Amino acid sequence: MNKTAFIIMAGLFSTAQAAPLERQNITSCAYQAGTAYEIQHIRQQQGHNWDQFAANINKIYADSQGRDDLLVIAERVFIQPVDTEADVIHDEIFNACVQRQQGTEAQF
């Protein structure tokens, strides 16, 4: 009986722990996609190329993980044509992030 109760409790505990992690991943993906959306808007409005954008980010932000993460997101944006709608960029970045979290992202 104690063994059965332990197994049930372990199962409930692992399920309860999985949900917050999933929400955290979705939140992270939404943040990345929103950042990509804004980068594409800046790119379209100000006509930045990659070198200009990266130089501006390096001037504005101190050397940190946050700056590195921002540049990684920006690189994914800048490989797209400049006339790509920001909504399309958002959706592509979000979907790729979710797939990466699930281990199903396409490899190039």
C-alpha atoms as a PDB file:
ATOM      1  CA  MET A   1       0.000   0.000   0.000  1.00  0.00           C
ATOM      2  CA  ASN A   2       2.794   2.446   0.876  1.00  0.00           C
ATOM      3  CA  LYS A   3       4.576   1.642  -2.361  1.00  0.00           C
ATOM      4  CA  THR A   4       1.420   2.363  -4.373  1.00  0.00           C
ATOM      5  CA  ALA A   5       0.844   5.644  -2.515  1.00  0.00           C
ATOM      6  CA  PHE A   6       4.460   6.652  -3.142  1.00  0.00           C
ATOM      7  CA  ILE A   7       4.136   5.949  -6.881  1.00  0.00           C
ATOM      8  CA  ILE A   8       0.905   7.959  -7.086  1.00  0.00           C
ATOM      9  CA  MET A   9       2.445  10.869  -5.164  1.00  0.00           C
ATOM     10  CA  ALA A  10       5.564  10.801  -7.345  1.00  0.00           C
ATOM     11  CA  GLY A  11       3.397  10.862 -10.462  1.00  0.00           C
ATOM     12  CA  LEU A  12       1.356  13.789  -9.181  1.00  0.00           C
ATOM     13  CA  PHE A  13       4.476  15.685  -8.168  1.00  0.00           C
ATOM     14  CA  SER A  14       6.142  15.214 -11.549  1.00  0.00           C
ATOM     15  CA  THR A  15       2.976  16.346 -13.356  1.00  0.00           C
ATOM     16  CA  ALA A  16       2.724  19.431 -11.158  1.00  0.00           C
ATOM     17  CA  GLN A  17       6.354  20.278 -11.871  1.00  0.00           C
ATOM     18  CA  ALA A  18       5.994  19.863 -15.650  1.00  0.00           C
ATOM     19  CA  ALA A  19       3.290  22.514 -16.088  1.00  0.00           C
ATOM     20  CA  PRO A  20       5.326  25.520 -14.825  1.00  0.00           C
ATOM     21  CA  LEU A  21       8.257  24.517 -16.985  1.00  0.00           C
ATOM     22  CA  GLU A  22       6.016  24.428 -20.047  1.00  0.00           C
ATOM     23  CA  ARG A  23       4.604  27.878 -19.226  1.00  0.00           C
ATOM     24  CA  GLN A  24       8.133  29.176 -18.787  1.00  0.00           C
ATOM     25  CA  ASN A  25       9.111  27.818 -22.212  1.00  0.00           C
ATOM     26  CA  ILE A  26       6.047  29.373 -23.848  1.00  0.00           C
ATOM     27  CA  THR A  27       6.768  32.681 -22.126  1.00  0.00           C
ATOM     28  CA  SER A  28      10.357  32.542 -23.355  1.00  0.00           C
ATOM     29  CA  CYS A  29       9.219  31.795 -26.902  1.00  0.00           C
ATOM     30  CA  ALA A  30       6.687  34.640 -26.785  1.00  0.00           C
ATOM     31  CA  TYR A  31       9.417  37.013 -25.582  1.00  0.00           C
ATOM     32  CA  GLN A  32      11.770  35.943 -28.372  1.00  0.00           C
ATOM     33  CA  ALA A  33       9.039  36.302 -30.992  1.00  0.00           C
ATOM     34  CA  GLY A  34       7.999  39.728 -29.689  1.00  0.00           C
ATOM     35  CA  THR A  35      11.606  40.869 -29.720  1.00  0.00           C
ATOM     36  CA  ALA A  36      11.995  39.631 -33.295  1.00  0.00           C
ATOM     37  CA  TYR A  37       8.824  41.496 -34.277  1.00  0.00           C
ATOM     38  CA  GLU A  38      10.207  44.757 -32.855  1.00  0.00           C
ATOM     39  CA  ILE A  39      13.605  44.235 -34.482  1.00  0.00           C
ATOM     40  CA  GLN A  40      11.937  43.792 -37.871  1.00  0.00           C
ATOM     41  CA  HIS A  41       9.983  47.031 -37.349  1.00  0.00           C
ATOM     42  CA  ILE A  42      13.171  48.899 -36.467  1.00  0.00           C
ATOM     43  CA  ARG A  43      14.896  47.368 -39.448  1.00  0.00           C
ATOM     44  CA  GLN A  44      12.096  48.411 -41.810  1.00  0.00           C
ATOM     45  CA  GLN A  45      11.715  51.928 -40.403  1.00  0.00           C
ATOM     46  CA  GLN A  46      15.376  52.819 -39.994  1.00  0.00           C
ATOM     47  CA  GLY A  47      16.859  50.822 -42.846  1.00  0.00           C
ATOM     48  CA  HIS A  48      19.493  49.153 -40.699  1.00  0.00           C
ATOM     49  CA  ASN A  49      21.687  46.469 -42.115  1.00  0.00           C
ATOM     50  CA  TRP A  50      23.158  43.810 -39.851  1.00  0.00           C
ATOM     51  CA  ASP A  51      26.456  45.613 -39.201  1.00  0.00           C
ATOM     52  CA  GLN A  52      24.696  48.859 -38.215  1.00  0.00           C
ATOM     53  CA  PHE A  53      22.216  47.080 -35.991  1.00  0.00           C
ATOM     54  CA  ALA A  54      24.856  44.983 -34.213  1.00  0.00           C
ATOM     55  CA  ALA A  55      27.087  48.038 -33.708  1.00  0.00           C
ATOM     56  CA  ASN A  56      24.187  49.992 -32.176  1.00  0.00           C
ATOM     57  CA  ILE A  57      23.288  47.132 -29.843  1.00  0.00           C
ATOM     58  CA  ASN A  58      26.930  46.792 -28.787  1.00  0.00           C
ATOM     59  CA  LYS A  59      27.054  50.534 -28.002  1.00  0.00           C
ATOM     60  CA  ILE A  60      23.787  50.595 -26.072  1.00  0.00           C
ATOM     61  CA  TYR A  61      24.095  47.417 -23.997  1.00  0.00           C
ATOM     62  CA  ALA A  62      26.936  46.214 -21.816  1.00  0.00           C
ATOM     63  CA  ASP A  63      28.548  42.891 -22.580  1.00  0.00           C
ATOM     64  CA  SER A  64      26.073  40.467 -21.030  1.00  0.00           C
ATOM     65  CA  GLN A  65      24.017  37.358 -21.674  1.00  0.00           C
ATOM     66  CA  GLY A  66      21.025  39.606 -22.419  1.00  0.00           C
ATOM     67  CA  ARG A  67      22.906  41.404 -25.171  1.00  0.00           C
ATOM     68  CA  ASP A  68      24.128  38.110 -26.594  1.00  0.00           C
ATOM     69  CA  ASP A  69      20.584  36.731 -26.584  1.00  0.00           C
ATOM     70  CA  LEU A  70      19.278  39.864 -28.300  1.00  0.00           C
ATOM     71  CA  LEU A  71      21.901  39.539 -31.035  1.00  0.00           C
ATOM     72  CA  VAL A  72      21.054  35.865 -31.571  1.00  0.00           C
ATOM     73  CA  ILE A  73      17.390  36.772 -32.048  1.00  0.00           C
ATOM     74  CA  ALA A  74      18.361  39.652 -34.338  1.00  0.00           C
ATOM     75  CA  GLU A  75      20.515  37.373 -36.483  1.00  0.00           C
ATOM     76  CA  ARG A  76      17.480  35.185 -37.112  1.00  0.00           C
ATOM     77  CA  VAL A  77      15.531  38.281 -38.163  1.00  0.00           C
ATOM     78  CA  PHE A  78      18.225  39.670 -40.432  1.00  0.00           C
ATOM     79  CA  ILE A  79      18.458  36.489 -42.511  1.00  0.00           C
ATOM     80  CA  GLN A  80      14.894  37.212 -43.657  1.00  0.00           C
ATOM     81  CA  PRO A  81      14.196  39.690 -46.458  1.00  0.00           C
ATOM     82  CA  VAL A  82      13.678  43.234 -45.152  1.00  0.00           C
ATOM     83  CA  ASP A  83      10.197  43.412 -46.683  1.00  0.00           C
ATOM     84  CA  THR A  84       8.948  40.365 -44.757  1.00  0.00           C
ATOM     85  CA  GLU A  85       5.992  41.370 -42.592  1.00  0.00           C
ATOM     86  CA  ALA A  86       6.835  41.632 -38.897  1.00  0.00           C
ATOM     87  CA  ASP A  87       3.883  39.336 -38.112  1.00  0.00           C
ATOM     88  CA  VAL A  88       5.432  36.639 -40.292  1.00  0.00           C
ATOM     89  CA  ILE A  89       8.786  37.040 -38.522  1.00  0.00           C
ATOM     90  CA  HIS A  90       7.006  36.814 -35.160  1.00  0.00           C
ATOM     91  CA  ASP A  91       5.213  33.609 -36.093  1.00  0.00           C
ATOM     92  CA  GLU A  92       8.327  31.975 -37.558  1.00  0.00           C
ATOM     93  CA  ILE A  93      10.452  32.770 -34.501  1.00  0.00           C
ATOM     94  CA  PHE A  94       7.729  31.637 -32.100  1.00  0.00           C
ATOM     95  CA  ASN A  95       7.100  28.369 -33.957  1.00  0.00           C
ATOM     96  CA  ALA A  96      10.822  27.601 -34.267  1.00  0.00           C
ATOM     97  CA  CYS A  97      11.288  28.243 -30.543  1.00  0.00           C
ATOM     98  CA  VAL A  98       8.407  25.958 -29.594  1.00  0.00           C
ATOM     99  CA  GLN A  99       9.749  23.265 -31.909  1.00  0.00           C
ATOM    100  CA  ARG A 100      13.232  23.705 -30.414  1.00  0.00           C
ATOM    101  CA  GLN A 101      11.775  23.264 -26.917  1.00  0.00           C
ATOM    102  CA  GLN A 102      10.016  20.096 -28.075  1.00  0.00           C
ATOM    103  CA  GLY A 103      13.112  18.835 -29.876  1.00  0.00           C
ATOM    104  CA  THR A 104      11.364  18.905 -33.260  1.00  0.00           C
ATOM    105  CA  GLU A 105      12.957  21.985 -34.906  1.00  0.00           C
ATOM    106  CA  ALA A 106      14.066  21.396 -38.480  1.00  0.00           C
ATOM    107  CA  GLN A 107      17.841  21.158 -38.849  1.00  0.00           C
ATOM    108  CA  PHE A 108      19.531  23.044 -41.653  1.00  0.00           C
END
